[in-house]
Amino acid sequence: MKRAPFQAQEEVAMPSISQILRENRNRYGISLEEVAQRTYIKLPYLVALEEGRLDKLPAPVYIHGYIRQYAKLLGLDGNDLVRLYQEEISEVGRPIPVHSFDPTFEETLRPAQDQPHGQAQQVVMAAQKEAKEMRVSAERYADQVLGQLENDVSRALQIVRNGRLYIQSKRRKAE
C-alpha cells in the first residue's frame, strides 16, 4: 500500500486583537465615537487599538484596561483579549516612542518597567489627573443642579404667595 506524501498543513493565522475588536464593533454597527463615549477611552487610543499601532498607545497597564472595557462593551471576554494582546506584543516587541506629541502623556526613551517605580508613577499621575477632572466636573454639575433647584424653589414660593394673596382677598370680600 502506497502512502500519500506528507503535506504540511497551512498555518491558519489567528485574527489579531485589532481585527477582533474592529469586526465585532462593525458587526454591532457601533461607531468608534460611540465606543469612546460609552467606554471613556480616548478616540485616538481606540483608533490605535483597531489599527494595531502600539506606538500610539500608552503604557500596557492602561491598554489592558482599555481592552477589557472595549471587550465588555462588545460582549467579549476581556481576559482572553488581554492574553491575545500580550502574545502579540511578545512576538513583535513594543516599540519605544522617541517623540510624543500628546501633551497629556509624557513618554521616555526607556520602557517604564526599566525605570524604578516608572509605571507606578505614571498610574498615580494619571489617577490624580482623572480625579481632578472628575472633581471639576462634579462641581459644575452640582452648581447647575443647585441653580435649577433655586429657580424651582423661587417659582414655588411665588405660587404660594400668590395663593395666599388670593385667599386673603376672597376673605376680605366675604366679610
N, C-alpha and C. Protein backbone atom coordinates (compact mmCIF):
# COMPACT_ATOMS: atom_id res chain seq x y z
N MET A 1 0.83 -1.16 0.00
CA MET A 1 0.00 0.00 0.00
C MET A 1 0.89 1.24 0.00
N LYS A 2 0.57 2.14 -0.89
CA LYS A 2 1.37 3.34 -1.05
C LYS A 2 0.81 4.46 -0.20
N ARG A 3 1.68 5.12 0.56
CA ARG A 3 1.24 6.24 1.40
C ARG A 3 1.32 7.54 0.63
N ALA A 4 0.41 8.42 0.95
CA ALA A 4 0.45 9.76 0.36
C ALA A 4 1.59 10.53 1.00
N PRO A 5 2.29 11.31 0.21
CA PRO A 5 3.39 12.08 0.79
C PRO A 5 2.86 13.07 1.83
N PHE A 6 3.69 13.31 2.85
CA PHE A 6 3.32 14.23 3.92
C PHE A 6 3.22 15.64 3.35
N GLN A 7 2.11 16.26 3.62
CA GLN A 7 1.94 17.65 3.20
C GLN A 7 1.75 18.50 4.44
N ALA A 8 2.55 19.51 4.54
CA ALA A 8 2.41 20.43 5.68
C ALA A 8 1.10 21.19 5.54
N GLN A 9 0.38 21.22 6.62
CA GLN A 9 -0.86 21.98 6.59
C GLN A 9 -0.54 23.46 6.67
N GLU A 10 -1.34 24.22 5.95
CA GLU A 10 -1.15 25.66 6.02
C GLU A 10 -1.51 26.13 7.42
N GLU A 11 -0.67 26.98 7.93
CA GLU A 11 -0.94 27.53 9.26
C GLU A 11 -2.00 28.61 9.11
N VAL A 12 -3.08 28.42 9.82
CA VAL A 12 -4.17 29.39 9.77
C VAL A 12 -3.84 30.50 10.75
N ALA A 13 -3.76 31.70 10.24
CA ALA A 13 -3.41 32.84 11.10
C ALA A 13 -4.57 33.18 12.02
N MET A 14 -4.25 33.34 13.28
CA MET A 14 -5.25 33.78 14.25
C MET A 14 -5.54 35.24 13.98
N PRO A 15 -6.79 35.64 14.12
CA PRO A 15 -7.07 37.07 13.94
C PRO A 15 -6.38 37.87 15.04
N SER A 16 -5.93 39.04 14.69
CA SER A 16 -5.28 39.90 15.68
C SER A 16 -6.34 40.55 16.56
N ILE A 17 -5.90 41.08 17.68
CA ILE A 17 -6.84 41.77 18.57
C ILE A 17 -7.47 42.94 17.84
N SER A 18 -6.71 43.60 16.96
CA SER A 18 -7.23 44.72 16.18
C SER A 18 -8.40 44.26 15.32
N GLN A 19 -8.21 43.14 14.63
CA GLN A 19 -9.26 42.61 13.76
C GLN A 19 -10.49 42.21 14.58
N ILE A 20 -10.27 41.55 15.70
CA ILE A 20 -11.39 41.10 16.53
C ILE A 20 -12.22 42.28 16.99
N LEU A 21 -11.56 43.31 17.51
CA LEU A 21 -12.28 44.48 18.01
C LEU A 21 -13.03 45.19 16.88
N ARG A 22 -12.34 45.43 15.77
CA ARG A 22 -12.94 46.15 14.64
C ARG A 22 -14.12 45.37 14.06
N GLU A 23 -13.94 44.07 13.82
CA GLU A 23 -15.00 43.27 13.21
C GLU A 23 -16.23 43.17 14.12
N ASN A 24 -16.01 42.98 15.42
CA ASN A 24 -17.14 42.90 16.34
C ASN A 24 -17.85 44.24 16.46
N ARG A 25 -17.09 45.33 16.48
CA ARG A 25 -17.72 46.66 16.54
C ARG A 25 -18.56 46.89 15.30
N ASN A 26 -18.01 46.56 14.13
CA ASN A 26 -18.75 46.73 12.87
C ASN A 26 -19.98 45.83 12.83
N ARG A 27 -19.85 44.63 13.39
CA ARG A 27 -20.99 43.70 13.40
C ARG A 27 -22.16 44.29 14.18
N TYR A 28 -21.86 45.01 15.26
CA TYR A 28 -22.91 45.64 16.06
C TYR A 28 -23.31 47.01 15.52
N GLY A 29 -22.59 47.48 14.50
CA GLY A 29 -22.91 48.78 13.92
C GLY A 29 -22.63 49.95 14.84
N ILE A 30 -21.58 49.85 15.63
CA ILE A 30 -21.23 50.90 16.58
C ILE A 30 -20.05 51.69 16.00
N SER A 31 -20.13 53.01 16.04
CA SER A 31 -19.03 53.84 15.56
C SER A 31 -17.95 53.94 16.64
N LEU A 32 -16.75 54.28 16.21
CA LEU A 32 -15.66 54.47 17.18
C LEU A 32 -15.98 55.60 18.15
N GLU A 33 -16.66 56.64 17.65
CA GLU A 33 -17.03 57.76 18.51
C GLU A 33 -17.97 57.29 19.62
N GLU A 34 -18.90 56.40 19.26
CA GLU A 34 -19.83 55.87 20.26
C GLU A 34 -19.08 55.00 21.28
N VAL A 35 -18.13 54.22 20.81
CA VAL A 35 -17.32 53.40 21.72
C VAL A 35 -16.58 54.32 22.70
N ALA A 36 -16.02 55.41 22.17
CA ALA A 36 -15.29 56.36 23.03
C ALA A 36 -16.22 56.95 24.10
N GLN A 37 -17.43 57.30 23.71
CA GLN A 37 -18.38 57.86 24.68
C GLN A 37 -18.79 56.84 25.73
N ARG A 38 -19.01 55.62 25.30
CA ARG A 38 -19.54 54.61 26.23
C ARG A 38 -18.47 53.97 27.11
N THR A 39 -17.21 54.00 26.66
CA THR A 39 -16.14 53.37 27.45
C THR A 39 -15.23 54.39 28.11
N TYR A 40 -15.36 55.65 27.73
CA TYR A 40 -14.49 56.72 28.25
C TYR A 40 -13.03 56.51 27.85
N ILE A 41 -12.81 55.84 26.73
CA ILE A 41 -11.47 55.67 26.18
C ILE A 41 -11.30 56.74 25.10
N LYS A 42 -10.16 57.42 25.10
CA LYS A 42 -9.92 58.47 24.11
C LYS A 42 -9.95 57.88 22.71
N LEU A 43 -10.59 58.61 21.79
CA LEU A 43 -10.74 58.16 20.41
C LEU A 43 -9.40 57.81 19.75
N PRO A 44 -8.34 58.61 19.91
CA PRO A 44 -7.07 58.22 19.27
C PRO A 44 -6.54 56.87 19.75
N TYR A 45 -6.80 56.52 21.02
CA TYR A 45 -6.36 55.23 21.53
C TYR A 45 -7.19 54.10 20.91
N LEU A 46 -8.48 54.33 20.70
CA LEU A 46 -9.32 53.32 20.06
C LEU A 46 -8.87 53.09 18.62
N VAL A 47 -8.58 54.18 17.92
CA VAL A 47 -8.10 54.06 16.54
C VAL A 47 -6.79 53.28 16.52
N ALA A 48 -5.88 53.61 17.44
CA ALA A 48 -4.60 52.90 17.50
C ALA A 48 -4.80 51.42 17.81
N LEU A 49 -5.73 51.10 18.72
CA LEU A 49 -6.01 49.69 19.04
C LEU A 49 -6.50 48.95 17.80
N GLU A 50 -7.43 49.57 17.06
CA GLU A 50 -8.00 48.89 15.90
C GLU A 50 -7.03 48.82 14.73
N GLU A 51 -6.06 49.71 14.70
CA GLU A 51 -5.07 49.69 13.62
C GLU A 51 -3.81 48.93 14.01
N GLY A 52 -3.73 48.48 15.27
CA GLY A 52 -2.55 47.76 15.73
C GLY A 52 -1.33 48.66 15.85
N ARG A 53 -1.55 49.94 16.10
CA ARG A 53 -0.45 50.92 16.22
C ARG A 53 -0.03 51.04 17.68
N LEU A 54 0.81 50.11 18.12
CA LEU A 54 1.24 50.08 19.51
C LEU A 54 2.01 51.33 19.91
N ASP A 55 2.68 51.95 18.94
CA ASP A 55 3.47 53.14 19.25
C ASP A 55 2.60 54.34 19.61
N LYS A 56 1.32 54.27 19.35
CA LYS A 56 0.40 55.37 19.64
C LYS A 56 -0.37 55.14 20.95
N LEU A 57 -0.07 54.04 21.63
CA LEU A 57 -0.80 53.69 22.85
C LEU A 57 0.02 54.00 24.09
N PRO A 58 -0.66 54.23 25.22
CA PRO A 58 0.06 54.49 26.48
C PRO A 58 0.64 53.19 27.05
N ALA A 59 1.03 53.23 28.30
CA ALA A 59 1.64 52.09 28.99
C ALA A 59 0.71 50.87 28.97
N PRO A 60 1.29 49.66 28.97
CA PRO A 60 0.48 48.44 28.92
C PRO A 60 -0.60 48.34 29.99
N VAL A 61 -0.36 48.88 31.18
CA VAL A 61 -1.36 48.79 32.23
C VAL A 61 -2.66 49.48 31.79
N TYR A 62 -2.54 50.58 31.06
CA TYR A 62 -3.73 51.27 30.55
C TYR A 62 -4.36 50.47 29.42
N ILE A 63 -3.52 49.94 28.54
CA ILE A 63 -4.02 49.20 27.39
C ILE A 63 -4.84 48.00 27.85
N HIS A 64 -4.38 47.31 28.87
CA HIS A 64 -5.13 46.15 29.39
C HIS A 64 -6.52 46.60 29.83
N GLY A 65 -6.60 47.71 30.53
CA GLY A 65 -7.90 48.24 30.96
C GLY A 65 -8.77 48.63 29.78
N TYR A 66 -8.17 49.27 28.78
CA TYR A 66 -8.93 49.67 27.60
C TYR A 66 -9.49 48.44 26.88
N ILE A 67 -8.65 47.42 26.75
CA ILE A 67 -9.08 46.20 26.06
C ILE A 67 -10.25 45.57 26.82
N ARG A 68 -10.15 45.51 28.13
CA ARG A 68 -11.24 44.91 28.93
C ARG A 68 -12.53 45.72 28.79
N GLN A 69 -12.43 47.05 28.84
CA GLN A 69 -13.62 47.89 28.70
C GLN A 69 -14.26 47.71 27.33
N TYR A 70 -13.42 47.74 26.30
CA TYR A 70 -13.90 47.60 24.93
C TYR A 70 -14.54 46.23 24.74
N ALA A 71 -13.89 45.19 25.25
CA ALA A 71 -14.42 43.83 25.13
C ALA A 71 -15.77 43.71 25.83
N LYS A 72 -15.89 44.30 27.01
CA LYS A 72 -17.15 44.24 27.77
C LYS A 72 -18.27 44.87 26.96
N LEU A 73 -17.99 46.02 26.33
CA LEU A 73 -18.99 46.69 25.51
C LEU A 73 -19.46 45.78 24.38
N LEU A 74 -18.53 45.02 23.80
CA LEU A 74 -18.85 44.16 22.66
C LEU A 74 -19.31 42.76 23.08
N GLY A 75 -19.37 42.51 24.39
CA GLY A 75 -19.81 41.20 24.86
C GLY A 75 -18.74 40.13 24.70
N LEU A 76 -17.48 40.52 24.70
CA LEU A 76 -16.37 39.57 24.55
C LEU A 76 -15.68 39.37 25.89
N ASP A 77 -14.86 38.33 25.97
CA ASP A 77 -14.10 38.06 27.19
C ASP A 77 -12.84 38.92 27.20
N GLY A 78 -12.81 39.90 28.07
CA GLY A 78 -11.69 40.83 28.15
C GLY A 78 -10.39 40.16 28.52
N ASN A 79 -10.44 39.17 29.41
CA ASN A 79 -9.21 38.49 29.82
C ASN A 79 -8.58 37.73 28.66
N ASP A 80 -9.41 37.10 27.83
CA ASP A 80 -8.88 36.40 26.66
C ASP A 80 -8.22 37.38 25.70
N LEU A 81 -8.85 38.53 25.50
CA LEU A 81 -8.27 39.51 24.59
C LEU A 81 -6.98 40.11 25.14
N VAL A 82 -6.91 40.30 26.45
CA VAL A 82 -5.67 40.80 27.04
C VAL A 82 -4.55 39.78 26.82
N ARG A 83 -4.86 38.49 27.01
CA ARG A 83 -3.85 37.45 26.77
C ARG A 83 -3.40 37.47 25.31
N LEU A 84 -4.35 37.61 24.39
CA LEU A 84 -4.01 37.68 22.97
C LEU A 84 -3.12 38.90 22.69
N TYR A 85 -3.47 40.03 23.29
CA TYR A 85 -2.65 41.24 23.13
C TYR A 85 -1.23 41.00 23.65
N GLN A 86 -1.11 40.36 24.81
CA GLN A 86 0.21 40.08 25.38
C GLN A 86 1.02 39.16 24.47
N GLU A 87 0.35 38.18 23.86
CA GLU A 87 1.04 37.30 22.92
C GLU A 87 1.52 38.09 21.70
N GLU A 88 0.66 38.98 21.22
CA GLU A 88 1.02 39.78 20.04
C GLU A 88 2.24 40.66 20.33
N ILE A 89 2.24 41.33 21.47
CA ILE A 89 3.37 42.23 21.73
C ILE A 89 4.64 41.46 22.06
N SER A 90 4.49 40.24 22.58
CA SER A 90 5.70 39.46 22.86
C SER A 90 6.33 38.98 21.56
N GLU A 91 5.51 38.82 20.51
CA GLU A 91 6.04 38.39 19.21
C GLU A 91 6.76 39.52 18.50
N VAL A 92 6.18 40.72 18.53
CA VAL A 92 6.76 41.83 17.77
C VAL A 92 7.57 42.78 18.63
N GLY A 93 7.37 42.73 19.92
CA GLY A 93 8.05 43.68 20.80
C GLY A 93 7.37 45.03 20.73
N ARG A 94 7.33 45.72 21.82
CA ARG A 94 6.67 47.02 21.87
C ARG A 94 7.67 48.09 21.46
N PRO A 95 7.35 48.87 20.41
CA PRO A 95 8.28 49.93 20.01
C PRO A 95 8.35 51.02 21.07
N ILE A 96 9.52 51.59 21.22
CA ILE A 96 9.70 52.66 22.19
C ILE A 96 9.59 53.98 21.44
N PRO A 97 8.58 54.79 21.74
CA PRO A 97 8.44 56.06 21.03
C PRO A 97 9.58 57.01 21.38
N VAL A 98 10.09 57.69 20.38
CA VAL A 98 11.17 58.64 20.60
C VAL A 98 10.60 60.01 20.90
N HIS A 99 9.54 60.37 20.21
CA HIS A 99 8.89 61.66 20.43
C HIS A 99 7.43 61.43 20.75
N SER A 100 6.88 62.31 21.53
CA SER A 100 5.46 62.23 21.85
C SER A 100 4.84 63.59 21.58
N PHE A 101 3.74 63.60 20.88
CA PHE A 101 3.05 64.85 20.61
C PHE A 101 1.78 64.97 21.42
N ASP A 102 1.54 64.03 22.29
CA ASP A 102 0.37 64.07 23.16
C ASP A 102 0.77 64.80 24.43
N PRO A 103 0.30 66.05 24.62
CA PRO A 103 0.74 66.82 25.77
C PRO A 103 0.25 66.27 27.10
N THR A 104 -0.69 65.33 27.08
CA THR A 104 -1.21 64.80 28.33
C THR A 104 -0.45 63.57 28.81
N PHE A 105 0.47 63.06 27.99
CA PHE A 105 1.16 61.83 28.36
C PHE A 105 2.63 61.99 28.05
N GLU A 106 3.46 61.83 29.04
CA GLU A 106 4.90 62.04 28.86
C GLU A 106 5.58 60.71 28.59
N GLU A 107 6.22 60.59 27.43
CA GLU A 107 6.93 59.37 27.05
C GLU A 107 8.41 59.51 27.45
N THR A 108 9.08 58.41 27.62
CA THR A 108 10.51 58.41 27.89
C THR A 108 11.18 57.49 26.89
N LEU A 109 12.50 57.58 26.81
CA LEU A 109 13.23 56.73 25.88
C LEU A 109 13.38 55.31 26.40
N ARG A 110 13.32 55.14 27.71
CA ARG A 110 13.42 53.80 28.29
C ARG A 110 12.02 53.31 28.63
N PRO A 111 11.75 52.02 28.45
CA PRO A 111 10.45 51.50 28.87
C PRO A 111 10.23 51.74 30.35
N ALA A 112 8.99 52.01 30.72
CA ALA A 112 8.67 52.33 32.11
C ALA A 112 9.08 51.21 33.06
N GLN A 113 8.98 49.94 32.60
CA GLN A 113 9.32 48.84 33.51
C GLN A 113 10.81 48.82 33.84
N ASP A 114 11.65 49.50 33.02
CA ASP A 114 13.09 49.57 33.31
C ASP A 114 13.42 50.68 34.30
N GLN A 115 12.49 51.57 34.56
CA GLN A 115 12.72 52.67 35.48
C GLN A 115 12.17 52.30 36.84
N PRO A 116 12.87 52.68 37.90
CA PRO A 116 12.34 52.37 39.23
C PRO A 116 11.01 53.10 39.43
N HIS A 117 10.00 52.37 39.73
CA HIS A 117 8.66 52.90 40.00
C HIS A 117 8.08 53.68 38.82
N GLY A 118 8.57 53.46 37.61
CA GLY A 118 8.12 54.21 36.44
C GLY A 118 6.64 54.03 36.16
N GLN A 119 6.20 52.79 36.10
CA GLN A 119 4.79 52.56 35.81
C GLN A 119 3.92 53.05 36.95
N ALA A 120 4.35 52.84 38.17
CA ALA A 120 3.55 53.28 39.31
C ALA A 120 3.38 54.80 39.28
N GLN A 121 4.43 55.52 38.96
CA GLN A 121 4.34 56.98 38.89
C GLN A 121 3.38 57.40 37.80
N GLN A 122 3.43 56.73 36.66
CA GLN A 122 2.52 57.06 35.57
C GLN A 122 1.07 56.81 35.97
N VAL A 123 0.83 55.70 36.64
CA VAL A 123 -0.52 55.37 37.08
C VAL A 123 -1.01 56.40 38.09
N VAL A 124 -0.16 56.76 39.04
CA VAL A 124 -0.55 57.74 40.07
C VAL A 124 -0.84 59.09 39.43
N MET A 125 0.02 59.53 38.51
CA MET A 125 -0.19 60.83 37.86
C MET A 125 -1.49 60.82 37.05
N ALA A 126 -1.73 59.75 36.34
CA ALA A 126 -2.95 59.65 35.54
C ALA A 126 -4.18 59.63 36.45
N ALA A 127 -4.10 58.91 37.57
CA ALA A 127 -5.22 58.85 38.51
C ALA A 127 -5.48 60.21 39.14
N GLN A 128 -4.42 60.94 39.48
CA GLN A 128 -4.58 62.28 40.05
C GLN A 128 -5.23 63.22 39.05
N LYS A 129 -4.79 63.14 37.82
CA LYS A 129 -5.37 64.00 36.78
C LYS A 129 -6.85 63.66 36.58
N GLU A 130 -7.15 62.38 36.50
CA GLU A 130 -8.54 61.94 36.32
C GLU A 130 -9.40 62.36 37.50
N ALA A 131 -8.87 62.25 38.72
CA ALA A 131 -9.61 62.65 39.92
C ALA A 131 -9.91 64.15 39.89
N LYS A 132 -8.94 64.94 39.47
CA LYS A 132 -9.15 66.39 39.38
C LYS A 132 -10.22 66.70 38.35
N GLU A 133 -10.17 66.06 37.19
CA GLU A 133 -11.17 66.28 36.15
C GLU A 133 -12.56 65.88 36.65
N MET A 134 -12.64 64.77 37.38
CA MET A 134 -13.93 64.32 37.91
C MET A 134 -14.46 65.31 38.95
N ARG A 135 -13.57 65.83 39.81
CA ARG A 135 -13.98 66.79 40.83
C ARG A 135 -14.52 68.06 40.18
N VAL A 136 -13.81 68.58 39.18
CA VAL A 136 -14.25 69.79 38.48
C VAL A 136 -15.59 69.54 37.80
N SER A 137 -15.73 68.39 37.17
CA SER A 137 -16.99 68.05 36.52
C SER A 137 -18.12 67.94 37.53
N ALA A 138 -17.86 67.32 38.67
CA ALA A 138 -18.88 67.18 39.71
C ALA A 138 -19.27 68.54 40.27
N GLU A 139 -18.30 69.43 40.44
CA GLU A 139 -18.61 70.77 40.95
C GLU A 139 -19.48 71.53 39.97
N ARG A 140 -19.18 71.43 38.68
CA ARG A 140 -20.01 72.10 37.66
C ARG A 140 -21.43 71.55 37.68
N TYR A 141 -21.53 70.23 37.76
CA TYR A 141 -22.85 69.61 37.79
C TYR A 141 -23.63 70.04 39.03
N ALA A 142 -22.98 70.04 40.18
CA ALA A 142 -23.64 70.46 41.42
C ALA A 142 -24.09 71.90 41.32
N ASP A 143 -23.29 72.76 40.73
CA ASP A 143 -23.65 74.16 40.55
C ASP A 143 -24.89 74.29 39.67
N GLN A 144 -24.95 73.51 38.59
CA GLN A 144 -26.12 73.53 37.70
C GLN A 144 -27.37 73.05 38.44
N VAL A 145 -27.23 71.94 39.16
CA VAL A 145 -28.38 71.38 39.88
C VAL A 145 -28.88 72.35 40.95
N LEU A 146 -27.95 72.93 41.70
CA LEU A 146 -28.35 73.87 42.75
C LEU A 146 -28.98 75.13 42.15
N GLY A 147 -28.47 75.60 41.03
CA GLY A 147 -29.08 76.76 40.36
C GLY A 147 -30.49 76.45 39.92
N GLN A 148 -30.70 75.27 39.33
CA GLN A 148 -32.04 74.87 38.90
C GLN A 148 -32.97 74.72 40.09
N LEU A 149 -32.46 74.13 41.17
CA LEU A 149 -33.26 73.96 42.38
C LEU A 149 -33.66 75.31 42.95
N GLU A 150 -32.74 76.25 42.95
CA GLU A 150 -33.03 77.60 43.45
C GLU A 150 -34.14 78.25 42.62
N ASN A 151 -34.06 78.11 41.30
CA ASN A 151 -35.11 78.65 40.43
C ASN A 151 -36.46 77.99 40.70
N ASP A 152 -36.46 76.66 40.85
CA ASP A 152 -37.70 75.94 41.12
C ASP A 152 -38.31 76.36 42.45
N VAL A 153 -37.48 76.50 43.48
CA VAL A 153 -37.98 76.92 44.80
C VAL A 153 -38.53 78.34 44.72
N SER A 154 -37.86 79.23 44.00
CA SER A 154 -38.35 80.61 43.85
C SER A 154 -39.71 80.63 43.18
N ARG A 155 -39.88 79.83 42.12
CA ARG A 155 -41.19 79.76 41.45
C ARG A 155 -42.25 79.20 42.38
N ALA A 156 -41.90 78.16 43.14
CA ALA A 156 -42.87 77.57 44.08
C ALA A 156 -43.27 78.58 45.15
N LEU A 157 -42.32 79.34 45.69
CA LEU A 157 -42.63 80.36 46.69
C LEU A 157 -43.53 81.44 46.12
N GLN A 158 -43.29 81.82 44.88
CA GLN A 158 -44.14 82.84 44.25
C GLN A 158 -45.57 82.32 44.09
N ILE A 159 -45.73 81.06 43.75
CA ILE A 159 -47.06 80.47 43.63
C ILE A 159 -47.75 80.46 44.98
N VAL A 160 -47.01 80.09 46.04
CA VAL A 160 -47.59 80.08 47.39
C VAL A 160 -48.00 81.50 47.79
N ARG A 161 -47.17 82.50 47.53
CA ARG A 161 -47.51 83.89 47.87
C ARG A 161 -48.76 84.34 47.12
N ASN A 162 -48.80 84.02 45.83
CA ASN A 162 -49.98 84.40 45.03
C ASN A 162 -51.24 83.72 45.57
N GLY A 163 -51.09 82.45 45.96
CA GLY A 163 -52.25 81.74 46.52
C GLY A 163 -52.71 82.35 47.82
N ARG A 164 -51.77 82.72 48.67
CA ARG A 164 -52.10 83.35 49.95
C ARG A 164 -52.80 84.70 49.71
N LEU A 165 -52.29 85.51 48.79
CA LEU A 165 -52.91 86.81 48.49
C LEU A 165 -54.32 86.62 47.94
N TYR A 166 -54.50 85.62 47.11
CA TYR A 166 -55.82 85.35 46.54
C TYR A 166 -56.81 84.98 47.64
N ILE A 167 -56.38 84.09 48.55
CA ILE A 167 -57.26 83.68 49.66
C ILE A 167 -57.59 84.86 50.55
N GLN A 168 -56.63 85.71 50.85
CA GLN A 168 -56.86 86.88 51.70
C GLN A 168 -57.83 87.85 51.04
N SER A 169 -57.70 88.02 49.72
CA SER A 169 -58.61 88.94 49.03
C SER A 169 -60.03 88.38 49.02
N LYS A 170 -60.20 87.08 48.93
CA LYS A 170 -61.53 86.45 48.96
C LYS A 170 -62.16 86.62 50.33
N ARG A 171 -61.34 86.50 51.39
CA ARG A 171 -61.84 86.66 52.75
C ARG A 171 -62.34 88.09 52.97
N ARG A 172 -61.58 89.06 52.49
CA ARG A 172 -61.97 90.46 52.67
C ARG A 172 -63.28 90.76 51.97
N LYS A 173 -63.46 90.19 50.79
CA LYS A 173 -64.70 90.42 50.05
C LYS A 173 -65.87 89.75 50.76
N ALA A 174 -65.62 88.62 51.38
CA ALA A 174 -66.68 87.87 52.06
C ALA A 174 -67.09 88.57 53.34
N GLU A 175 -66.21 89.33 53.97
CA GLU A 175 -66.51 89.99 55.24
C GLU A 175 -67.28 91.20 55.02
